Amino acid sequence: MSSITSRSKAGHGEAVLICVAAATCLALIVFCAPLTTASATVASLGGGVALQAWVLSAMPLGAAAGLLCAGAMGDALGRREVFIGGLWLTTAASALAALAPTGSIMVAGRILQGLGCAGLLACGLGLLAEAYEGPARARAARIWAASLGAGVALGPLLCAILLELSGWRAAYWSILALSLALSILAMRVLPVTRGQRQRVDYLGSLLLIMGLVPILAALIQVRSGVTVQVAVLTALGVIFLIGFILRERQAANPILMLQLFRNRDFVSATTGAFASGAGVLAIMASVPVILQQGYHLNAIGASLVILAWSALTAVTALFSGKLTHGLAPRTVLIAALLGCTLGQALLLFIREGSGWESAIAGLVIAGVSNGILNASLGHQAVESVPADKAAMGSGANNTARYLGSAIGFALIAMLVAHGLAQGDLFLGWDEAVLTSVGFSLAGLCVVFSLKPPKANQG
C-alpha cells in the first residue's frame, strides 16, 4: 500500500496540493490547446476535416487509454514516480507536437501528451488522498476540481494569445516550458511514496489502447458513410475490448477491478464522468470553433466568450462544498447533470443571424453545474474504492471522462462538417448540440436508476 509518513503529511500537504493542482491545470491546458488553434494548425499541416477531428480527439484518446495503466502503476510502483514520469512524458510529447512537420506526427504528439497527462490525472487525486484526511481531503478534492476548470479557462485564452503573437506552435513550446518547470517542482515537494510492488497488467493496458484507437478511427471515418473500412475498424476495436475485459477477469493485478462495478457509487461516478466528457465538456469546448466559423470572431474573442463557462466551472467547484452542504452525493450528481443538460440545450440559440451573446445563457448555466459536477465526481472517485486503490478509482473516473470527450469531439466535428458541406453550418451545430444533450440525458437516467438501499438514502 502506498504510504506517506504523518510528518510528511503535516509538513508538505499544502505544497503537494499546489503541485498537484498546477499539474492538473496543465493537463487541461494541454487538452484545450487546439480549441482556438485547430483551424490554423490543420491549415498549416495541409489537412482537412479528418485531421481536425484527430487533433481535437487525440489527446483525450491518449489520456483515456493511459489512465487505468497509470493508476495501476501508481498503486503498484508509487504515485510520486508515475506523476513525475507523466510530467516528463508531457514535456517530450510537447516538443514533438511543436516540431511536427506533418499531421500524423502532430496526432502522435497529441496522443503522447494524453498518455503523459494520464499520469498526472490518475495519481494526482491519490497523492492528495494520502496527504489529507476527512474534511481536509474533501477540500483538497474541491481545489483539484477547480484546477480542472482553471485549465479549461486558461487554455483556450493562452493558446489564442500565443497564436496571434507567434503562431500555433508557440502554444506547444509554452506547454513544454510549463511541464518542465512542474517536473522540477514535483521532484522537490512530492514526498516519497511506497507502492505495493506488484506486477502491473501491461497486457491489459495494450488491449485497451488497441481497442479504443480503431473505435475512434471508425467514428471519424463514418462521416463518409458506413464503409468496409469503418466496419473493419469497429470489429477490431470490439474484439480488442472484449479481450481487455477477459484479461481483467483473469489478471492477478488488473488495471481495472471489474468487481468495482458492483458498487453503485462507483458506477454512478463513472457513468457521470463519461456523460460529462461526451456531453457538456465536448460541446462547451467546441463553442470557440463555432464562434470562429459562424460569427467570424478571432481566436482571442472566442476564448474570452467561453470564459462564461470555464471560469464559472473553476469558481463553482471551489465553493461547491458550501453550495451542496447537507445534500446526499447522489442528489448532487443528479442536480448537476440536470443543470449541465439545460445549459447544453440552450446552445441551440446559437443560430444564423444571432450574435455571440446567444451563447452566454447556456455557458453560464453549464459552468455553474459543471463545477459542482467536477467536485462531486472527484470526491466520489476516491471514496467509492478501497483506500489502497485510490489511484485506480481516480484513473477509472478520468478514463470515462476522457473517453467520453474523445468520442464527443469526433462526433461533433463530424456533424458540424456535415452541416457545412450541406451549406448550413448551424444545422450541423444543432445536431451536435442535440447529440451532446442525448449523452447527458443517458447518463442522468443511469445515475437516477441506481437508487441506493433505503438505509443509505437521503
Protein backbone atom coordinates (compact mmCIF):
# COMPACT_ATOMS: atom_id res chain seq x y z
CA MET A 1 0.00 0.00 0.00
CA SER A 2 1.30 3.47 -0.88
CA SER A 3 2.07 5.45 2.27
CA ILE A 4 3.43 8.77 3.42
CA THR A 5 4.63 9.36 6.92
CA SER A 6 2.50 11.55 9.17
CA ARG A 7 5.37 14.02 9.37
CA SER A 8 5.40 14.37 5.59
CA LYS A 9 1.65 14.89 5.62
CA ALA A 10 1.94 17.71 8.13
CA GLY A 11 4.94 19.39 6.53
CA HIS A 12 4.20 19.04 2.83
CA GLY A 13 0.41 18.81 2.46
CA GLU A 14 -0.08 22.31 1.05
CA ALA A 15 2.97 22.03 -1.21
CA VAL A 16 1.62 18.74 -2.55
CA LEU A 17 -1.76 20.38 -3.16
CA ILE A 18 -0.19 23.29 -5.06
CA CYS A 19 1.89 20.95 -7.22
CA VAL A 20 -0.98 18.55 -7.98
CA ALA A 21 -3.45 21.36 -8.69
CA ALA A 22 -0.99 23.13 -11.01
CA ALA A 23 -0.25 19.90 -12.89
CA THR A 24 -3.97 19.15 -13.21
CA CYS A 25 -4.50 22.66 -14.57
CA LEU A 26 -1.67 22.00 -17.04
CA ALA A 27 -3.33 18.76 -18.20
CA LEU A 28 -6.48 20.70 -19.07
CA ILE A 29 -4.43 23.39 -20.83
CA VAL A 30 -2.98 20.58 -22.94
CA PHE A 31 -6.50 19.28 -23.54
CA CYS A 32 -7.69 22.73 -24.66
CA ALA A 33 -4.67 23.70 -26.76
CA PRO A 34 -6.33 23.04 -30.15
CA LEU A 35 -9.72 24.55 -29.32
CA THR A 36 -8.72 28.00 -30.58
CA THR A 37 -5.78 26.91 -32.74
CA ALA A 38 -7.16 23.88 -34.61
CA SER A 39 -8.02 25.74 -37.82
CA ALA A 40 -4.56 27.31 -38.06
CA THR A 41 -2.88 24.01 -37.15
CA VAL A 42 -4.77 22.00 -39.76
CA ALA A 43 -4.24 24.64 -42.45
CA SER A 44 -0.52 24.78 -41.71
CA LEU A 45 -0.19 20.99 -41.91
CA GLY A 46 -2.28 20.70 -45.07
CA GLY A 47 -5.09 18.64 -43.54
CA GLY A 48 -8.87 18.62 -43.67
CA VAL A 49 -11.85 17.65 -41.54
CA ALA A 50 -10.39 14.27 -40.55
CA LEU A 51 -7.15 15.83 -39.30
CA GLN A 52 -9.08 18.44 -37.33
CA ALA A 53 -11.11 15.69 -35.66
CA TRP A 54 -7.93 13.78 -34.82
CA VAL A 55 -6.15 16.87 -33.45
CA LEU A 56 -9.12 17.54 -31.16
CA SER A 57 -9.62 13.91 -30.10
CA ALA A 58 -6.05 12.57 -29.93
CA MET A 59 -5.09 13.93 -26.50
CA PRO A 60 -8.26 12.73 -24.71
CA LEU A 61 -7.86 9.39 -26.51
CA GLY A 62 -4.31 9.06 -25.20
CA ALA A 63 -5.47 10.05 -21.72
CA ALA A 64 -8.33 7.54 -21.77
CA ALA A 65 -6.00 4.79 -22.98
CA GLY A 66 -3.34 5.51 -20.36
CA LEU A 67 -5.26 6.46 -17.23
CA LEU A 68 -6.04 2.97 -15.95
CA CYS A 69 -2.47 1.80 -16.50
CA ALA A 70 -1.15 4.95 -14.84
CA GLY A 71 -3.47 4.37 -11.90
CA ALA A 72 -2.32 0.76 -11.52
CA MET A 73 1.31 1.82 -11.83
CA GLY A 74 0.73 4.46 -9.17
CA ASP A 75 -0.73 1.91 -6.77
CA ALA A 76 1.97 -0.68 -7.51
CA LEU A 77 5.13 1.38 -8.05
CA GLY A 78 4.46 4.64 -6.22
CA ARG A 79 2.33 7.61 -7.20
CA ARG A 80 5.15 10.14 -6.98
CA GLU A 81 7.23 8.28 -9.56
CA VAL A 82 4.34 7.89 -12.01
CA PHE A 83 3.27 11.52 -11.53
CA ILE A 84 6.76 12.83 -12.26
CA GLY A 85 7.14 10.42 -15.18
CA GLY A 86 3.91 11.81 -16.62
CA LEU A 87 5.31 15.33 -16.48
CA TRP A 88 8.49 14.28 -18.29
CA LEU A 89 6.49 12.47 -20.99
CA THR A 90 4.27 15.54 -21.43
CA THR A 91 7.42 17.64 -21.85
CA ALA A 92 8.82 15.37 -24.57
CA ALA A 93 5.46 14.99 -26.34
CA SER A 94 5.00 18.77 -26.42
CA ALA A 95 8.35 19.10 -28.19
CA LEU A 96 7.18 16.55 -30.78
CA ALA A 97 3.92 18.45 -31.33
CA ALA A 98 5.71 21.81 -31.56
CA LEU A 99 8.13 20.47 -34.20
CA ALA A 100 5.55 18.36 -36.10
CA PRO A 101 6.11 18.64 -39.89
CA THR A 102 3.02 16.56 -40.78
CA GLY A 103 -0.46 15.88 -39.47
CA SER A 104 0.46 12.32 -38.50
CA ILE A 105 3.36 13.48 -36.32
CA MET A 106 1.12 16.11 -34.76
CA VAL A 107 -1.51 13.50 -33.87
CA ALA A 108 1.19 11.23 -32.44
CA GLY A 109 2.43 14.10 -30.29
CA ARG A 110 -1.08 14.78 -29.05
CA ILE A 111 -1.67 11.11 -28.17
CA LEU A 112 1.62 11.05 -26.24
CA GLN A 113 0.61 14.26 -24.46
CA GLY A 114 -2.54 12.43 -23.38
CA LEU A 115 -0.52 9.48 -22.10
CA GLY A 116 1.70 11.85 -20.12
CA CYS A 117 -1.24 13.72 -18.66
CA ALA A 118 -2.74 10.35 -17.69
CA GLY A 119 -0.02 10.03 -15.07
CA LEU A 120 -0.95 13.43 -13.64
CA LEU A 121 -4.68 12.84 -13.58
CA ALA A 122 -4.59 9.25 -12.31
CA CYS A 123 -2.13 9.84 -9.48
CA GLY A 124 -2.96 13.41 -8.53
CA LEU A 125 -6.06 12.59 -6.51
CA GLY A 126 -4.29 9.60 -4.98
CA LEU A 127 -1.45 11.85 -3.78
CA LEU A 128 -4.00 14.21 -2.24
CA ALA A 129 -5.81 11.29 -0.61
CA GLU A 130 -2.53 10.32 1.06
CA ALA A 131 -1.71 13.88 2.12
CA TYR A 132 -5.13 14.72 3.61
CA GLU A 133 -7.86 13.05 5.63
CA GLY A 134 -11.52 13.77 6.44
CA PRO A 135 -12.83 17.30 5.68
CA ALA A 136 -9.36 18.41 4.55
CA ARG A 137 -9.42 15.70 1.87
CA ALA A 138 -12.80 16.93 0.62
CA ARG A 139 -11.40 20.49 0.48
CA ALA A 140 -8.39 19.27 -1.48
CA ALA A 141 -10.71 17.44 -3.91
CA ARG A 142 -12.64 20.69 -4.45
CA ILE A 143 -9.43 22.58 -5.21
CA TRP A 144 -8.43 19.77 -7.58
CA ALA A 145 -11.80 20.12 -9.33
CA ALA A 146 -11.35 23.90 -9.50
CA SER A 147 -8.00 23.36 -11.20
CA LEU A 148 -9.81 21.42 -13.93
CA GLY A 149 -11.97 24.47 -14.61
CA ALA A 150 -8.98 26.80 -14.36
CA GLY A 151 -7.16 24.80 -17.04
CA VAL A 152 -10.17 24.94 -19.34
CA ALA A 153 -10.43 28.70 -18.70
CA LEU A 154 -6.75 29.47 -19.24
CA GLY A 155 -6.02 27.00 -22.04
CA PRO A 156 -8.03 28.49 -24.92
CA LEU A 157 -7.12 32.08 -23.98
CA LEU A 158 -3.41 31.38 -23.52
CA CYS A 159 -3.19 29.47 -26.80
CA ALA A 160 -5.22 32.11 -28.65
CA ILE A 161 -2.88 34.88 -27.49
CA LEU A 162 0.17 32.83 -28.47
CA LEU A 163 -1.45 32.07 -31.85
CA GLU A 164 -1.87 35.79 -32.56
CA LEU A 165 1.65 36.62 -31.35
CA SER A 166 3.73 33.80 -32.78
CA GLY A 167 1.63 31.07 -34.41
CA TRP A 168 0.11 27.81 -33.19
CA ARG A 169 3.45 26.11 -32.46
CA ALA A 170 4.15 28.64 -29.69
CA ALA A 171 1.34 27.07 -27.64
CA TYR A 172 3.15 23.74 -27.54
CA TRP A 173 6.51 25.32 -26.71
CA SER A 174 4.80 27.07 -23.79
CA ILE A 175 3.30 23.77 -22.60
CA LEU A 176 6.77 22.26 -22.79
CA ALA A 177 8.17 25.02 -20.56
CA LEU A 178 5.36 24.64 -18.02
CA SER A 179 5.75 20.86 -17.94
CA LEU A 180 9.48 21.14 -17.39
CA ALA A 181 9.04 23.63 -14.55
CA LEU A 182 6.44 21.43 -12.84
CA SER A 183 8.68 18.37 -13.23
CA ILE A 184 11.38 20.14 -11.23
CA LEU A 185 8.86 21.35 -8.64
CA ALA A 186 7.36 17.87 -8.23
CA MET A 187 10.76 16.30 -7.61
CA ARG A 188 11.33 18.82 -4.83
CA VAL A 189 7.99 18.83 -3.00
CA LEU A 190 6.27 15.47 -3.50
CA PRO A 191 7.01 13.12 -0.59
CA VAL A 192 8.42 9.69 -1.38
CA THR A 193 5.69 7.06 -1.69
CA ARG A 194 5.98 3.30 -1.46
CA GLY A 195 3.94 1.18 -3.84
CA GLN A 196 2.73 -2.37 -3.33
CA ARG A 197 5.48 -3.62 -5.65
CA GLN A 198 3.02 -5.78 -7.55
CA ARG A 199 3.20 -6.55 -11.25
CA VAL A 200 1.34 -4.13 -13.50
CA ASP A 201 -1.01 -5.54 -16.12
CA TYR A 202 0.67 -4.05 -19.19
CA LEU A 203 -1.08 -6.55 -21.48
CA GLY A 204 -4.45 -5.25 -20.31
CA SER A 205 -3.28 -1.69 -21.00
CA LEU A 206 -2.17 -2.65 -24.51
CA LEU A 207 -5.50 -4.35 -25.25
CA LEU A 208 -7.37 -1.25 -24.08
CA ILE A 209 -5.32 1.06 -26.32
CA MET A 210 -5.71 -1.30 -29.30
CA GLY A 211 -9.46 -1.33 -28.70
CA LEU A 212 -10.00 2.41 -28.30
CA VAL A 213 -7.92 3.65 -31.26
CA PRO A 214 -9.82 1.78 -34.03
CA ILE A 215 -13.18 2.65 -32.44
CA LEU A 216 -12.34 6.36 -32.57
CA ALA A 217 -10.94 5.99 -36.10
CA ALA A 218 -14.22 4.38 -37.16
CA LEU A 219 -16.21 7.27 -35.68
CA ILE A 220 -14.11 9.77 -37.62
CA GLN A 221 -14.28 7.78 -40.88
CA VAL A 222 -18.03 7.17 -40.69
CA ARG A 223 -18.62 10.72 -41.94
CA SER A 224 -18.08 9.22 -45.43
CA GLY A 225 -20.65 6.50 -44.80
CA VAL A 226 -20.63 3.00 -43.35
CA THR A 227 -17.82 1.61 -45.48
CA VAL A 228 -15.87 -1.64 -45.29
CA GLN A 229 -13.07 0.29 -43.58
CA VAL A 230 -15.45 1.53 -40.88
CA ALA A 231 -16.80 -1.98 -40.33
CA VAL A 232 -13.31 -3.49 -40.06
CA LEU A 233 -12.13 -0.80 -37.64
CA THR A 234 -15.22 -1.26 -35.49
CA ALA A 235 -14.84 -5.04 -35.45
CA LEU A 236 -11.16 -4.77 -34.48
CA GLY A 237 -11.98 -2.36 -31.68
CA VAL A 238 -14.73 -4.57 -30.29
CA ILE A 239 -12.52 -7.68 -30.44
CA PHE A 240 -9.70 -6.00 -28.53
CA LEU A 241 -12.09 -4.52 -25.96
CA ILE A 242 -13.60 -7.97 -25.35
CA GLY A 243 -10.05 -9.24 -24.96
CA PHE A 244 -9.42 -6.46 -22.43
CA ILE A 245 -12.45 -7.49 -20.36
CA LEU A 246 -11.44 -11.16 -20.42
CA ARG A 247 -7.89 -10.23 -19.45
CA GLU A 248 -9.07 -8.13 -16.50
CA ARG A 249 -11.19 -11.03 -15.23
CA GLN A 250 -8.15 -13.32 -15.17
CA ALA A 251 -5.27 -10.97 -14.26
CA ALA A 252 -3.82 -11.24 -10.76
CA ASN A 253 -3.37 -7.45 -10.63
CA PRO A 254 -5.81 -5.95 -13.16
CA ILE A 255 -5.65 -2.28 -14.11
CA LEU A 256 -9.41 -2.23 -13.53
CA MET A 257 -11.07 -4.45 -10.92
CA LEU A 258 -14.33 -5.41 -12.62
CA GLN A 259 -15.93 -6.15 -9.25
CA LEU A 260 -15.88 -2.40 -8.56
CA PHE A 261 -18.88 -2.18 -10.88
CA ARG A 262 -20.92 -3.93 -8.17
CA ASN A 263 -20.59 -0.70 -6.16
CA ARG A 264 -23.42 1.66 -7.11
CA ASP A 265 -21.47 4.74 -6.07
CA PHE A 266 -18.59 3.71 -8.34
CA VAL A 267 -20.92 3.06 -11.27
CA SER A 268 -22.68 6.40 -10.73
CA ALA A 269 -19.40 8.31 -10.59
CA THR A 270 -18.02 6.53 -13.67
CA THR A 271 -21.22 6.98 -15.68
CA GLY A 272 -21.43 10.63 -14.66
CA ALA A 273 -17.83 11.15 -15.78
CA PHE A 274 -18.48 9.60 -19.21
CA ALA A 275 -21.64 11.66 -19.66
CA SER A 276 -19.72 14.76 -18.60
CA GLY A 277 -16.99 14.14 -21.17
CA ALA A 278 -19.23 13.22 -24.11
CA GLY A 279 -21.84 15.81 -23.20
CA VAL A 280 -21.05 19.11 -21.52
CA LEU A 281 -17.25 19.04 -21.86
CA ALA A 282 -17.16 18.18 -25.57
CA ILE A 283 -19.87 20.61 -26.66
CA MET A 284 -18.78 23.53 -24.47
CA ALA A 285 -15.17 23.12 -25.53
CA SER A 286 -16.38 23.22 -29.17
CA VAL A 287 -18.10 26.59 -28.76
CA PRO A 288 -14.95 28.56 -29.79
CA VAL A 289 -14.90 26.68 -33.10
CA ILE A 290 -18.50 27.62 -33.96
CA LEU A 291 -17.93 31.22 -32.83
CA GLN A 292 -14.93 31.50 -35.13
CA GLN A 293 -16.56 29.80 -38.11
CA GLY A 294 -20.10 31.10 -37.70
CA TYR A 295 -19.60 34.60 -36.29
CA HIS A 296 -16.03 35.22 -37.51
CA LEU A 297 -14.65 36.01 -34.07
CA ASN A 298 -10.89 35.80 -33.79
CA ALA A 299 -9.29 33.21 -31.53
CA ILE A 300 -8.91 35.62 -28.60
CA GLY A 301 -12.51 36.80 -28.84
CA ALA A 302 -13.83 33.24 -28.92
CA SER A 303 -11.70 32.25 -25.93
CA LEU A 304 -12.99 35.24 -23.94
CA VAL A 305 -16.62 34.26 -24.60
CA ILE A 306 -16.07 30.71 -23.35
CA LEU A 307 -14.82 32.11 -20.03
CA ALA A 308 -18.51 32.41 -19.12
CA TRP A 309 -18.42 28.61 -18.84
CA SER A 310 -14.88 27.71 -17.88
CA ALA A 311 -14.27 30.42 -15.26
CA LEU A 312 -17.58 29.67 -13.57
CA THR A 313 -16.69 25.97 -13.59
CA ALA A 314 -13.50 26.71 -11.66
CA VAL A 315 -15.08 29.11 -9.15
CA THR A 316 -18.15 26.94 -8.51
CA ALA A 317 -16.03 23.82 -7.97
CA LEU A 318 -14.03 25.69 -5.35
CA PHE A 319 -17.15 26.63 -3.37
CA SER A 320 -19.21 23.54 -4.15
CA GLY A 321 -18.86 22.26 -0.59
CA LYS A 322 -20.87 25.21 0.74
CA LEU A 323 -23.33 25.13 -2.15
CA THR A 324 -24.14 21.44 -1.66
CA HIS A 325 -23.76 21.19 2.11
CA GLY A 326 -26.17 18.67 3.61
CA LEU A 327 -27.17 17.11 0.29
CA ALA A 328 -26.67 13.43 -0.49
CA PRO A 329 -23.94 12.74 -3.11
CA ARG A 330 -26.49 11.13 -5.44
CA THR A 331 -28.74 14.20 -5.22
CA VAL A 332 -25.82 16.49 -6.05
CA LEU A 333 -24.82 14.35 -9.03
CA ILE A 334 -28.35 14.27 -10.46
CA ALA A 335 -28.87 18.03 -9.97
CA ALA A 336 -25.51 18.82 -11.59
CA LEU A 337 -26.23 16.61 -14.61
CA LEU A 338 -29.65 18.25 -14.99
CA GLY A 339 -28.07 21.70 -14.93
CA CYS A 340 -25.46 20.70 -17.49
CA THR A 341 -28.15 19.27 -19.77
CA LEU A 342 -30.14 22.51 -19.59
CA GLY A 343 -27.03 24.58 -20.34
CA GLN A 344 -26.21 22.39 -23.33
CA ALA A 345 -29.75 22.66 -24.71
CA LEU A 346 -29.59 26.46 -24.51
CA LEU A 347 -26.72 26.39 -27.01
CA LEU A 348 -29.41 25.78 -29.64
CA PHE A 349 -29.88 29.57 -29.54
CA ILE A 350 -26.56 29.89 -31.40
CA ARG A 351 -28.08 30.45 -34.81
CA GLU A 352 -27.51 32.33 -38.03
CA GLY A 353 -28.44 35.96 -37.54
CA SER A 354 -27.85 35.97 -33.79
CA GLY A 355 -24.60 37.08 -32.19
CA TRP A 356 -22.09 35.56 -29.81
CA GLU A 357 -24.30 36.80 -26.97
CA SER A 358 -26.71 33.96 -27.74
CA ALA A 359 -24.23 31.52 -26.20
CA ILE A 360 -23.97 33.25 -22.81
CA ALA A 361 -27.02 31.79 -21.03
CA GLY A 362 -26.06 28.21 -21.85
CA LEU A 363 -22.43 28.80 -20.95
CA VAL A 364 -23.29 30.30 -17.55
CA ILE A 365 -25.76 27.58 -16.50
CA ALA A 366 -23.45 24.82 -17.70
CA GLY A 367 -20.48 26.46 -15.97
CA VAL A 368 -22.11 26.51 -12.54
CA SER A 369 -23.45 22.97 -12.95
CA ASN A 370 -20.20 21.60 -14.33
CA GLY A 371 -18.21 23.00 -11.42
CA ILE A 372 -20.44 21.17 -8.95
CA LEU A 373 -20.30 18.03 -11.10
CA ASN A 374 -16.48 18.03 -11.27
CA ALA A 375 -16.15 18.40 -7.50
CA SER A 376 -18.71 15.67 -6.85
CA LEU A 377 -17.10 13.23 -9.29
CA GLY A 378 -13.59 13.89 -7.98
CA HIS A 379 -14.62 13.16 -4.40
CA GLN A 380 -16.70 10.06 -5.26
CA ALA A 381 -13.95 8.66 -7.48
CA VAL A 382 -11.73 8.21 -4.43
CA GLU A 383 -14.38 7.49 -1.80
CA SER A 384 -16.07 4.70 -3.79
CA VAL A 385 -12.98 2.44 -3.88
CA PRO A 386 -10.73 0.90 -1.18
CA ALA A 387 -8.08 3.30 0.14
CA ASP A 388 -5.22 1.35 -1.45
CA LYS A 389 -6.96 1.58 -4.84
CA ALA A 390 -7.43 5.36 -4.82
CA ALA A 391 -5.37 5.81 -7.98
CA MET A 392 -7.42 3.11 -9.73
CA GLY A 393 -10.64 4.89 -8.75
CA SER A 394 -9.35 8.22 -9.98
CA GLY A 395 -7.98 6.59 -13.14
CA ALA A 396 -11.28 4.87 -13.94
CA ASN A 397 -13.21 8.10 -13.42
CA ASN A 398 -10.92 10.13 -15.63
CA THR A 399 -10.76 7.35 -18.22
CA ALA A 400 -14.53 7.58 -18.55
CA ARG A 401 -14.37 11.39 -18.78
CA TYR A 402 -11.68 11.49 -21.46
CA LEU A 403 -13.05 8.57 -23.43
CA GLY A 404 -16.36 10.40 -23.47
CA SER A 405 -14.75 13.64 -24.61
CA ALA A 406 -12.77 11.89 -27.37
CA ILE A 407 -15.98 10.33 -28.68
CA GLY A 408 -17.86 13.60 -28.24
CA PHE A 409 -15.24 15.63 -30.11
CA ALA A 410 -15.20 13.15 -33.00
CA LEU A 411 -18.99 13.19 -33.35
CA ILE A 412 -19.25 16.97 -33.03
CA ALA A 413 -16.54 17.55 -35.65
CA MET A 414 -18.30 15.10 -37.99
CA LEU A 415 -21.75 16.66 -37.52
CA VAL A 416 -20.53 20.26 -37.91
CA ALA A 417 -18.55 19.31 -41.03
CA HIS A 418 -21.62 17.54 -42.43
CA GLY A 419 -23.71 20.67 -41.94
CA LEU A 420 -21.02 22.83 -43.51
CA ALA A 421 -20.86 20.50 -46.53
CA GLN A 422 -24.62 20.99 -46.97
CA GLY A 423 -24.20 24.75 -46.82
CA ASP A 424 -25.72 25.12 -43.34
CA LEU A 425 -23.12 25.29 -40.57
CA PHE A 426 -25.74 25.94 -37.90
CA LEU A 427 -27.77 22.87 -38.88
CA GLY A 428 -24.70 20.77 -38.13
CA TRP A 429 -24.26 22.65 -34.85
CA ASP A 430 -27.86 21.93 -33.83
CA GLU A 431 -27.31 18.22 -34.47
CA ALA A 432 -24.09 18.33 -32.42
CA VAL A 433 -25.85 20.05 -29.50
CA LEU A 434 -28.70 17.54 -29.52
CA THR A 435 -26.20 14.66 -29.60
CA SER A 436 -24.42 16.08 -26.55
CA VAL A 437 -27.75 16.51 -24.76
CA GLY A 438 -28.50 12.87 -25.52
CA PHE A 439 -25.29 11.76 -23.83
CA SER A 440 -26.08 13.81 -20.72
CA LEU A 441 -29.65 12.53 -20.54
CA ALA A 442 -28.48 8.94 -20.91
CA GLY A 443 -26.00 9.42 -18.07
CA LEU A 444 -28.68 11.07 -15.97
CA CYS A 445 -31.05 8.14 -16.49
CA VAL A 446 -28.40 5.63 -15.43
CA VAL A 447 -27.48 7.58 -12.29
CA PHE A 448 -31.15 8.08 -11.40
CA SER A 449 -31.86 4.37 -11.81
CA LEU A 450 -29.07 3.40 -9.41
CA LYS A 451 -31.04 4.03 -6.25
CA PRO A 452 -29.09 3.31 -3.05
CA PRO A 453 -30.53 0.97 -0.42
CA LYS A 454 -33.21 2.64 1.70
CA ALA A 455 -30.93 2.74 4.72
CA ASN A 456 -28.45 4.89 2.75
CA GLN A 457 -30.86 7.24 1.06
CA GLY A 458 -31.16 10.88 1.91
